[in-house]
Amino acid sequence: MITEHEGPGALVILANFVSPLAVDLGEESVLRQWAEQAPRKLWLTRPGDVLVSPVPLSPPFRRYVFHRLGIPEHSVTVVTVPDTPHLPMAQALAAHGMLRPLRALAGERPAARLLPTALDEASVALAADLRIPVVPYETNAPDPGTLRVVAEMNTKSGFRAVARALGLRVPDGRACTGAELGEVTGASLGAHGRVVVKPDRSAGGHGLVFVGPGDQPGQSPPPPDSRWVVEEHVDHRWAVSGQGHATATRVEVSYDGEMRVCAGSFAGYRSPLEAPPERARAELADWTRALGAHLAAEGYRGPYSLDLVCTRDGTLYALECNVRRTATTTVHAMVRRLTGPGPRRPRWSTGTVTAASPLSFDEAVRHLTEAGLDFQPGDAEGVLFFTDRPADGRRWRYAALAPSHFRLTEVEARLSTVLGHGPR
C-alpha cells in the first residue's frame, strides 16, 4: 500500500503537467517537454484505475510497468488527451469532447477519486464535473481560498513572503515587474556581485538566469507587467530538498535528498540526504514541517516540497516551494511499492543517461538485463526506466536503487558503461 491508494475506490489519475500552477501556459515548449514525463504516473495505478495522460503510452512500457507491479495489463484504462496549446489539461478534456466518456468511466467505479498532479482550479472543476472528490481531501475538494494560496505559494515572491514570516532563512532579494527588472538587477549586482534572476512563476529551474558583473542581457526585455524575483547568488555546496505531506491531522517529512542541478535546472535526485552536516539536515526537517503546518492551516492537503541550498559550513537558504506533486513524488512511491515495508529503506536516485545510439524500449531493457541491472521486485539493487522511451531514443530517465549510497554510485557507474555515456 502506498499513500496514493489509501482509502476506498479507484483513482482517476490526472497527469495535468500542462497547468498554470508551475509556469505560464504560453511556455508551450517546456510544457510539452514536461508532458513527455506523464507516463511515469502508470507506476501509481492498480486494477480499476484510470490514467488521463497528455501523451500516449507505448505497449512495451505498459508491459514493463505492469509486469513489475504484478497487475493484469488490461486492468488499467488509459485516456490520452490531445495536445491543446494554452489550455490547462483538465479544460482540454472538454475542448475535445472527452468529458462524457470520462464521466462514464468514473461512474462505473464506486467511490472513485481524482488524483491530480497539480491542484489547480481546472482540476478541481473537473472533479466537480465528474462528481468525485479530490485526493487526499476527505470530502469533495478544497475551497477557492485554498486554491488561491496554492497558486500564490507556487510563485517565488509568494513563497519568500511566507518563508520570512515563518523564520526561514532566504537569500537577500526583491520582487519586481519587468519594467523594473533592469534597475533592480543592477542594484542587486552592486550589493552582492552575483545574482539570480527568476521568473516569478517557474519550476525545475526553467527561465533562471545567473548574472555577474559585466554580463550582458541574454534576452530581449521582458513585458513590462511580467513578474520577477532577483536574489543574491548563494555560494553553496549542496542543493537539497525536503518533501512533506500535509493532512488534516498531521504534517510529516516523507523523505529528503540532494538535487542534481545543471545550469540551475533540475537534473536528478539522490535520496536520502547524506552529505550535509547533521544540524543542516535537522533544520531542513524543521523548516519542512513548519511550511507544511502553514499549508495545512490554509486548507491544503497533500504533498509539497521545500527546495534549498546549503553552504559548506551547513547554513541553509530556502529558495522556493512546490505545492503539488513534484518530479520525485511518483518515483518515491514507485520505490516504496516495489521494495515493500521494512526497517531499512533502499537508497535511490534519478537521472538521465544518454545511450550511444537510439534504442527501442525493449532494447534498452535488454541492455539492463544482460548487465544484471534490470531491477525486479525483491531485488536489493538495480535500475528502472520510470518513464517511456524518450523521443530521440537516447536520453533515458532512470531510477537506481541500492542498499547503500556507495553501492548506488557503483550501480549508476555500471549503467553509464552499459548504455554508452555517463548519467547527467
Protein backbone atom coordinates (compact mmCIF):
# COMPACT_ATOMS: atom_id res chain seq x y z
CA MET A 1 0.00 0.00 0.00
CA ILE A 2 1.26 3.50 -0.85
CA THR A 3 -0.19 6.84 0.21
CA GLU A 4 -1.93 7.35 -3.13
CA HIS A 5 -4.04 4.21 -2.55
CA GLU A 6 -5.21 4.93 0.96
CA GLY A 7 -8.99 4.94 1.05
CA PRO A 8 -11.60 3.07 -0.97
CA GLY A 9 -12.31 3.19 -4.66
CA ALA A 10 -10.40 3.60 -7.88
CA LEU A 11 -8.21 6.54 -8.77
CA VAL A 12 -8.70 8.75 -11.79
CA ILE A 13 -5.07 9.87 -12.11
CA LEU A 14 -4.90 13.22 -13.89
CA ALA A 15 -1.37 13.79 -15.21
CA ASN A 16 -2.00 17.50 -15.70
CA PHE A 17 1.57 18.60 -16.35
CA VAL A 18 0.01 21.31 -18.52
CA SER A 19 -1.15 23.60 -15.72
CA PRO A 20 -0.79 27.33 -14.98
CA LEU A 21 0.36 26.43 -11.47
CA ALA A 22 4.01 25.88 -12.38
CA VAL A 23 4.59 28.04 -15.44
CA ASP A 24 2.72 30.36 -17.79
CA LEU A 25 0.67 28.39 -20.34
CA GLY A 26 2.36 30.36 -23.11
CA GLU A 27 5.57 28.40 -22.42
CA GLU A 28 4.49 25.69 -24.85
CA SER A 29 7.89 24.08 -25.44
CA VAL A 30 8.69 23.49 -21.77
CA LEU A 31 5.15 22.30 -21.04
CA ARG A 32 5.43 19.81 -23.90
CA GLN A 33 8.76 18.63 -22.54
CA TRP A 34 7.30 18.13 -19.06
CA ALA A 35 4.24 16.36 -20.50
CA GLU A 36 6.52 13.70 -22.02
CA GLN A 37 7.16 12.52 -18.45
CA ALA A 38 3.47 11.80 -17.81
CA PRO A 39 3.79 8.03 -18.48
CA ARG A 40 5.58 7.67 -15.12
CA LYS A 41 2.16 8.05 -13.46
CA LEU A 42 1.43 4.48 -14.56
CA TRP A 43 3.51 3.35 -11.55
CA LEU A 44 0.75 4.70 -9.27
CA THR A 45 -2.01 2.57 -10.76
CA ARG A 46 -3.76 -0.53 -9.51
CA PRO A 47 -6.53 -2.61 -11.18
CA GLY A 48 -9.58 -0.49 -11.96
CA ASP A 49 -7.75 2.84 -12.07
CA VAL A 50 -7.94 5.34 -14.94
CA LEU A 51 -4.88 7.28 -16.10
CA VAL A 52 -5.53 10.51 -18.04
CA SER A 53 -2.32 11.38 -19.90
CA PRO A 54 -1.29 14.19 -22.27
CA VAL A 55 0.85 11.73 -24.27
CA PRO A 56 0.25 8.13 -25.37
CA LEU A 57 1.93 5.24 -23.54
CA SER A 58 3.73 2.65 -25.64
CA PRO A 59 2.76 -1.04 -25.32
CA PRO A 60 6.32 -2.06 -24.28
CA PHE A 61 6.32 0.47 -21.45
CA ARG A 62 2.90 -0.67 -20.26
CA ARG A 63 4.03 -4.31 -20.22
CA TYR A 64 7.23 -3.33 -18.39
CA VAL A 65 5.37 -1.47 -15.63
CA PHE A 66 2.51 -3.92 -15.17
CA HIS A 67 4.88 -6.89 -15.01
CA ARG A 68 6.79 -5.28 -12.16
CA LEU A 69 3.64 -4.17 -10.36
CA GLY A 70 2.15 -7.65 -10.75
CA ILE A 71 -1.19 -6.46 -12.11
CA PRO A 72 -3.02 -7.50 -15.30
CA GLU A 73 -2.01 -5.40 -18.29
CA HIS A 74 -5.58 -4.51 -19.33
CA SER A 75 -6.87 -3.78 -15.82
CA VAL A 76 -6.00 -0.07 -16.08
CA THR A 77 -7.71 2.29 -18.52
CA VAL A 78 -5.50 4.91 -20.19
CA VAL A 79 -7.11 8.00 -21.73
CA THR A 80 -4.94 10.24 -23.92
CA VAL A 81 -5.81 13.93 -24.25
CA PRO A 82 -4.54 15.61 -27.45
CA ASP A 83 -2.04 18.44 -27.08
CA THR A 84 -4.02 21.67 -26.72
CA PRO A 85 -1.91 24.87 -26.56
CA HIS A 86 -2.82 27.48 -23.93
CA LEU A 87 -5.37 25.28 -22.16
CA PRO A 88 -4.91 23.53 -18.81
CA MET A 89 -5.15 19.81 -19.41
CA ALA A 90 -8.32 19.49 -17.33
CA GLN A 91 -10.02 22.00 -19.66
CA ALA A 92 -8.61 20.32 -22.76
CA LEU A 93 -10.79 17.30 -21.97
CA ALA A 94 -13.90 19.38 -22.57
CA ALA A 95 -12.42 21.00 -25.67
CA HIS A 96 -12.02 17.55 -27.24
CA GLY A 97 -15.41 16.20 -26.17
CA MET A 98 -13.86 13.76 -23.70
CA LEU A 99 -15.80 14.72 -20.57
CA ARG A 100 -18.78 12.46 -21.16
CA PRO A 101 -16.77 9.23 -21.64
CA LEU A 102 -14.56 10.12 -18.66
CA ARG A 103 -17.67 10.77 -16.56
CA ALA A 104 -18.94 7.34 -17.59
CA LEU A 105 -15.65 5.72 -16.53
CA ALA A 106 -15.82 7.46 -13.16
CA GLY A 107 -19.46 6.47 -12.73
CA GLU A 108 -18.61 2.82 -13.28
CA ARG A 109 -16.18 2.96 -10.33
CA PRO A 110 -17.87 3.36 -6.93
CA ALA A 111 -16.01 5.72 -4.60
CA ALA A 112 -13.67 6.88 -7.40
CA ARG A 113 -11.39 9.80 -6.57
CA LEU A 114 -9.38 12.27 -8.68
CA LEU A 115 -5.59 12.42 -8.16
CA PRO A 116 -4.19 15.47 -9.99
CA THR A 117 -0.51 16.20 -10.43
CA ALA A 118 -1.20 19.92 -9.90
CA LEU A 119 -4.05 21.12 -7.71
CA ASP A 120 -5.25 23.92 -9.98
CA GLU A 121 -8.71 25.40 -10.50
CA ALA A 122 -9.29 23.39 -13.67
CA SER A 123 -8.62 20.05 -11.96
CA VAL A 124 -10.95 20.89 -9.08
CA ALA A 125 -13.66 21.91 -11.57
CA LEU A 126 -13.12 18.61 -13.39
CA ALA A 127 -13.62 16.65 -10.16
CA ALA A 128 -16.89 18.50 -9.57
CA ASP A 129 -17.99 17.71 -13.12
CA LEU A 130 -17.14 14.03 -12.61
CA ARG A 131 -18.89 14.13 -9.20
CA ILE A 132 -15.89 12.66 -7.38
CA PRO A 133 -13.68 14.03 -4.58
CA VAL A 134 -10.06 15.13 -4.95
CA VAL A 135 -7.31 13.06 -3.30
CA PRO A 136 -6.48 13.39 -0.42
CA TYR A 137 -9.43 15.53 0.67
CA GLU A 138 -11.81 13.65 2.94
CA THR A 139 -14.85 15.03 1.15
CA ASN A 140 -15.31 16.92 -2.09
CA ALA A 141 -12.49 19.41 -2.84
CA PRO A 142 -10.52 22.39 -1.49
CA ASP A 143 -12.29 25.73 -1.31
CA PRO A 144 -11.36 28.72 -3.52
CA GLY A 145 -9.32 30.31 -0.75
CA THR A 146 -7.08 27.26 -0.53
CA LEU A 147 -6.62 27.24 -4.30
CA ARG A 148 -5.53 30.89 -4.19
CA VAL A 149 -2.96 30.05 -1.51
CA VAL A 150 -1.66 27.11 -3.55
CA ALA A 151 -1.30 29.30 -6.64
CA GLU A 152 0.49 32.03 -4.67
CA MET A 153 2.86 29.64 -2.91
CA ASN A 154 3.97 28.30 -6.29
CA THR A 155 5.43 31.73 -7.06
CA LYS A 156 8.87 32.82 -5.90
CA SER A 157 7.56 36.03 -4.36
CA GLY A 158 4.66 34.31 -2.58
CA PHE A 159 7.00 31.75 -1.07
CA ARG A 160 9.54 34.37 0.05
CA ALA A 161 6.88 36.31 1.94
CA VAL A 162 5.67 33.22 3.80
CA ALA A 163 9.21 31.93 4.41
CA ARG A 164 10.23 35.18 6.08
CA ALA A 165 7.09 35.10 8.24
CA LEU A 166 7.94 31.52 9.31
CA GLY A 167 11.53 32.46 10.16
CA LEU A 168 13.14 30.56 7.29
CA ARG A 169 16.43 31.98 6.04
CA VAL A 170 16.17 33.20 2.42
CA PRO A 171 18.70 34.93 0.13
CA ASP A 172 18.51 38.70 0.03
CA GLY A 173 16.26 39.65 -2.86
CA ARG A 174 13.37 41.59 -4.25
CA ALA A 175 10.28 41.00 -6.38
CA CYS A 176 9.72 43.40 -9.27
CA THR A 177 7.98 43.90 -12.60
CA GLY A 178 9.58 43.52 -15.99
CA ALA A 179 9.70 47.30 -16.26
CA GLU A 180 11.77 47.45 -13.04
CA LEU A 181 13.94 44.40 -13.75
CA GLY A 182 17.00 46.19 -15.16
CA GLU A 183 17.19 48.70 -12.31
CA VAL A 184 16.63 46.06 -9.61
CA THR A 185 19.19 43.70 -11.13
CA GLY A 186 21.77 46.48 -11.30
CA ALA A 187 21.22 47.45 -7.69
CA SER A 188 21.43 43.82 -6.54
CA LEU A 189 24.65 43.28 -8.51
CA GLY A 190 26.15 46.28 -6.78
CA ALA A 191 25.26 44.83 -3.39
CA HIS A 192 26.13 41.17 -3.98
CA GLY A 193 28.36 40.86 -7.05
CA ARG A 194 26.40 37.94 -8.50
CA VAL A 195 22.63 37.44 -8.66
CA VAL A 196 19.96 35.05 -9.91
CA VAL A 197 17.09 36.42 -11.98
CA LYS A 198 13.96 34.24 -11.78
CA PRO A 199 10.55 34.38 -13.40
CA ASP A 200 8.12 34.67 -10.50
CA ARG A 201 6.23 31.57 -11.63
CA SER A 202 8.53 28.82 -12.88
CA ALA A 203 9.58 25.30 -11.95
CA GLY A 204 12.54 22.98 -12.35
CA GLY A 205 14.89 25.90 -12.90
CA HIS A 206 13.13 26.98 -16.11
CA GLY A 207 13.93 30.57 -17.03
CA LEU A 208 16.60 31.18 -14.36
CA VAL A 209 19.47 33.44 -15.38
CA PHE A 210 22.72 33.88 -13.44
CA VAL A 211 24.17 37.37 -13.79
CA GLY A 212 27.61 38.58 -12.78
CA PRO A 213 29.47 41.90 -13.13
CA GLY A 214 29.80 42.91 -16.76
CA ASP A 215 27.37 40.26 -18.07
CA GLN A 216 25.21 41.43 -20.94
CA PRO A 217 21.46 40.70 -21.03
CA GLY A 218 20.95 37.44 -22.87
CA GLN A 219 17.39 38.12 -23.99
CA SER A 220 15.10 40.91 -25.10
CA PRO A 221 13.48 43.00 -22.37
CA PRO A 222 10.53 41.18 -20.75
CA PRO A 223 6.95 42.50 -20.89
CA PRO A 224 6.64 45.48 -18.53
CA ASP A 225 3.92 43.82 -16.45
CA SER A 226 5.68 40.46 -16.10
CA ARG A 227 6.73 39.39 -12.59
CA TRP A 228 10.29 38.58 -11.49
CA VAL A 229 12.42 37.95 -8.43
CA VAL A 230 16.08 38.99 -8.22
CA GLU A 231 18.13 37.28 -5.49
CA GLU A 232 21.73 37.24 -4.36
CA HIS A 233 23.57 34.17 -5.59
CA VAL A 234 24.47 32.00 -2.58
CA ASP A 235 27.77 30.18 -2.98
CA HIS A 236 26.72 26.70 -1.90
CA ARG A 237 27.96 23.12 -1.76
CA TRP A 238 24.65 21.23 -1.98
CA ALA A 239 21.18 21.77 -3.46
CA VAL A 240 18.75 19.91 -1.22
CA SER A 241 15.04 19.42 -0.69
CA GLY A 242 12.62 18.21 1.94
CA GLN A 243 9.45 16.51 0.73
CA GLY A 244 6.47 16.82 3.05
CA HIS A 245 2.87 15.69 3.23
CA ALA A 246 0.06 17.58 4.93
CA THR A 247 -3.23 16.13 6.18
CA ALA A 248 -5.98 17.49 8.39
CA THR A 249 -4.35 15.98 11.48
CA ARG A 250 -0.59 15.89 10.88
CA VAL A 251 2.36 17.13 8.85
CA GLU A 252 5.26 14.81 8.15
CA VAL A 253 8.54 14.80 6.27
CA SER A 254 8.13 11.98 3.75
CA TYR A 255 11.75 11.95 2.52
CA ASP A 256 14.65 14.23 1.68
CA GLY A 257 17.51 14.26 -0.77
CA GLU A 258 20.14 16.08 -2.76
CA MET A 259 19.08 17.61 -6.06
CA ARG A 260 21.28 17.24 -9.11
CA VAL A 261 21.36 20.59 -10.84
CA CYS A 262 22.74 21.58 -14.25
CA ALA A 263 22.91 25.32 -15.07
CA GLY A 264 20.25 25.97 -12.44
CA SER A 265 17.84 23.34 -13.80
CA PHE A 266 16.73 20.18 -12.01
CA ALA A 267 18.55 17.16 -13.46
CA GLY A 268 18.03 14.38 -10.91
CA TYR A 269 17.83 13.41 -7.26
CA ARG A 270 19.57 11.25 -4.66
CA SER A 271 17.75 10.12 -1.51
CA PRO A 272 18.00 10.05 1.43
CA LEU A 273 20.16 13.05 2.20
CA GLU A 274 23.64 12.11 3.36
CA ALA A 275 26.37 14.69 2.82
CA PRO A 276 25.35 17.97 4.58
CA PRO A 277 26.09 18.36 8.31
CA GLU A 278 23.61 16.80 10.73
CA ARG A 279 22.46 20.19 12.03
CA ALA A 280 21.56 21.23 8.47
CA ARG A 281 19.52 18.05 7.96
CA ALA A 282 17.71 18.66 11.24
CA GLU A 283 16.97 22.27 10.28
CA LEU A 284 15.72 21.13 6.87
CA ALA A 285 13.24 18.78 8.57
CA ASP A 286 12.09 21.53 10.96
CA TRP A 287 11.58 24.00 8.11
CA THR A 288 9.73 21.43 6.01
CA ARG A 289 7.33 20.74 8.87
CA ALA A 290 6.84 24.47 9.53
CA LEU A 291 5.94 25.05 5.88
CA GLY A 292 3.55 22.09 5.96
CA ALA A 293 1.84 23.39 9.10
CA HIS A 294 1.25 26.73 7.36
CA LEU A 295 -0.17 24.99 4.27
CA ALA A 296 -2.38 22.74 6.36
CA ALA A 297 -3.77 25.75 8.24
CA GLU A 298 -4.71 27.23 4.85
CA GLY A 299 -6.63 24.07 3.96
CA TYR A 300 -4.04 22.34 1.78
CA ARG A 301 -3.86 18.55 1.85
CA GLY A 302 -1.22 16.54 0.04
CA PRO A 303 2.44 16.57 -0.98
CA TYR A 304 4.72 19.58 -1.20
CA SER A 305 8.45 20.23 -1.33
CA LEU A 306 10.86 22.80 0.07
CA ASP A 307 13.95 23.49 -2.07
CA LEU A 308 17.10 24.95 -0.55
CA VAL A 309 20.85 25.36 -0.93
CA CYS A 310 23.37 24.51 1.77
CA THR A 311 26.76 26.15 2.16
CA ARG A 312 29.91 24.27 3.10
CA ASP A 313 29.52 25.29 6.73
CA GLY A 314 25.96 23.89 6.86
CA THR A 315 23.98 27.12 6.51
CA LEU A 316 20.66 26.64 4.72
CA TYR A 317 18.91 29.14 2.46
CA ALA A 318 15.35 28.39 1.35
CA LEU A 319 14.69 29.18 -2.32
CA GLU A 320 11.18 28.03 -3.19
CA CYS A 321 8.45 25.52 -2.51
CA ASN A 322 6.39 23.35 -4.85
CA VAL A 323 2.86 22.86 -3.58
CA ARG A 324 1.98 19.97 -5.88
CA ARG A 325 3.30 16.58 -6.85
CA THR A 326 6.93 17.07 -7.85
CA ALA A 327 9.47 15.35 -10.11
CA THR A 328 10.29 12.87 -7.31
CA THR A 329 6.98 12.02 -5.64
CA THR A 330 5.99 9.33 -8.13
CA VAL A 331 9.47 7.78 -8.13
CA HIS A 332 9.45 7.69 -4.33
CA ALA A 333 6.05 5.97 -4.39
CA MET A 334 7.34 3.52 -7.02
CA VAL A 335 10.37 2.64 -4.88
CA ARG A 336 8.20 2.09 -1.79
CA ARG A 337 5.79 -0.05 -3.75
CA LEU A 338 8.44 -2.28 -5.32
CA THR A 339 10.58 -2.72 -2.21
CA GLY A 340 7.83 -3.13 0.36
CA PRO A 341 7.84 -2.32 4.08
CA GLY A 342 10.90 -2.79 6.20
CA PRO A 343 13.17 -1.01 8.66
CA ARG A 344 15.92 -0.45 6.09
CA ARG A 345 14.76 1.54 3.09
CA PRO A 346 16.88 1.39 -0.07
CA ARG A 347 18.89 4.35 -1.28
CA TRP A 348 17.65 5.60 -4.63
CA SER A 349 18.49 8.19 -7.25
CA THR A 350 17.16 9.55 -10.51
CA GLY A 351 18.95 10.97 -13.51
CA THR A 352 19.27 10.86 -17.26
CA VAL A 353 21.70 8.53 -19.03
CA THR A 354 22.49 9.03 -22.72
CA ALA A 355 22.75 5.92 -24.87
CA ALA A 356 25.47 5.73 -27.52
CA SER A 357 22.79 5.20 -30.20
CA PRO A 358 18.97 5.30 -30.34
CA LEU A 359 17.27 2.30 -28.70
CA SER A 360 13.75 0.94 -28.59
CA PHE A 361 12.27 0.44 -25.14
CA ASP A 362 12.76 -3.32 -25.28
CA GLU A 363 16.34 -2.90 -26.49
CA ALA A 364 17.18 -0.59 -23.59
CA VAL A 365 15.70 -3.05 -21.09
CA ARG A 366 17.63 -5.90 -22.71
CA HIS A 367 20.87 -3.99 -22.12
CA LEU A 368 19.99 -3.75 -18.43
CA THR A 369 19.07 -7.43 -18.23
CA GLU A 370 22.28 -8.62 -19.89
CA ALA A 371 24.30 -6.47 -17.46
CA GLY A 372 22.40 -7.76 -14.42
CA LEU A 373 20.97 -4.30 -13.73
CA ASP A 374 17.28 -4.84 -14.52
CA PHE A 375 15.50 -4.30 -11.19
CA GLN A 376 12.71 -6.70 -10.26
CA PRO A 377 10.56 -6.64 -7.11
CA GLY A 378 12.51 -8.26 -4.30
CA ASP A 379 15.93 -7.32 -5.69
CA ALA A 380 18.41 -5.47 -3.47
CA GLU A 381 19.63 -3.20 -6.25
CA GLY A 382 19.24 -2.35 -9.91
CA VAL A 383 17.86 0.15 -12.41
CA LEU A 384 14.36 1.01 -13.61
CA PHE A 385 13.25 3.16 -16.53
CA PHE A 386 10.47 5.03 -14.76
CA THR A 387 9.05 6.71 -17.85
CA ASP A 388 8.54 5.77 -21.50
CA ARG A 389 11.04 5.76 -24.35
CA PRO A 390 12.45 9.26 -25.00
CA ALA A 391 11.61 10.82 -28.35
CA ASP A 392 15.23 10.56 -29.54
CA GLY A 393 15.69 7.04 -28.16
CA ARG A 394 18.85 8.14 -26.39
CA ARG A 395 18.22 10.23 -23.26
CA TRP A 396 16.75 7.71 -20.81
CA ARG A 397 15.33 8.76 -17.45
CA TYR A 398 16.16 6.15 -14.85
CA ALA A 399 15.85 5.35 -11.18
CA ALA A 400 18.65 3.42 -9.49
CA LEU A 401 18.22 1.51 -6.21
CA ALA A 402 20.83 0.04 -3.86
CA PRO A 403 21.25 -0.79 -0.16
CA SER A 404 23.87 1.96 0.39
CA HIS A 405 24.99 5.22 -1.14
CA PHE A 406 28.30 3.60 -2.06
CA ARG A 407 26.56 0.80 -3.95
CA LEU A 408 24.21 3.34 -5.54
CA THR A 409 27.20 5.16 -7.03
CA GLU A 410 28.53 1.88 -8.38
CA VAL A 411 25.16 0.95 -9.94
CA GLU A 412 24.97 4.30 -11.74
CA ALA A 413 28.55 3.92 -12.97
CA ARG A 414 27.72 0.48 -14.39
CA LEU A 415 24.62 1.92 -16.05
CA SER A 416 26.69 4.55 -17.85
CA THR A 417 29.04 1.84 -19.10
CA VAL A 418 26.15 -0.35 -20.29
CA LEU A 419 24.41 2.36 -22.32
CA GLY A 420 27.47 4.24 -23.51
CA HIS A 421 27.59 7.66 -21.83
CA GLY A 422 27.53 8.99 -18.29
CA PRO A 423 24.43 9.97 -16.30
CA ARG A 424 23.61 13.66 -16.01
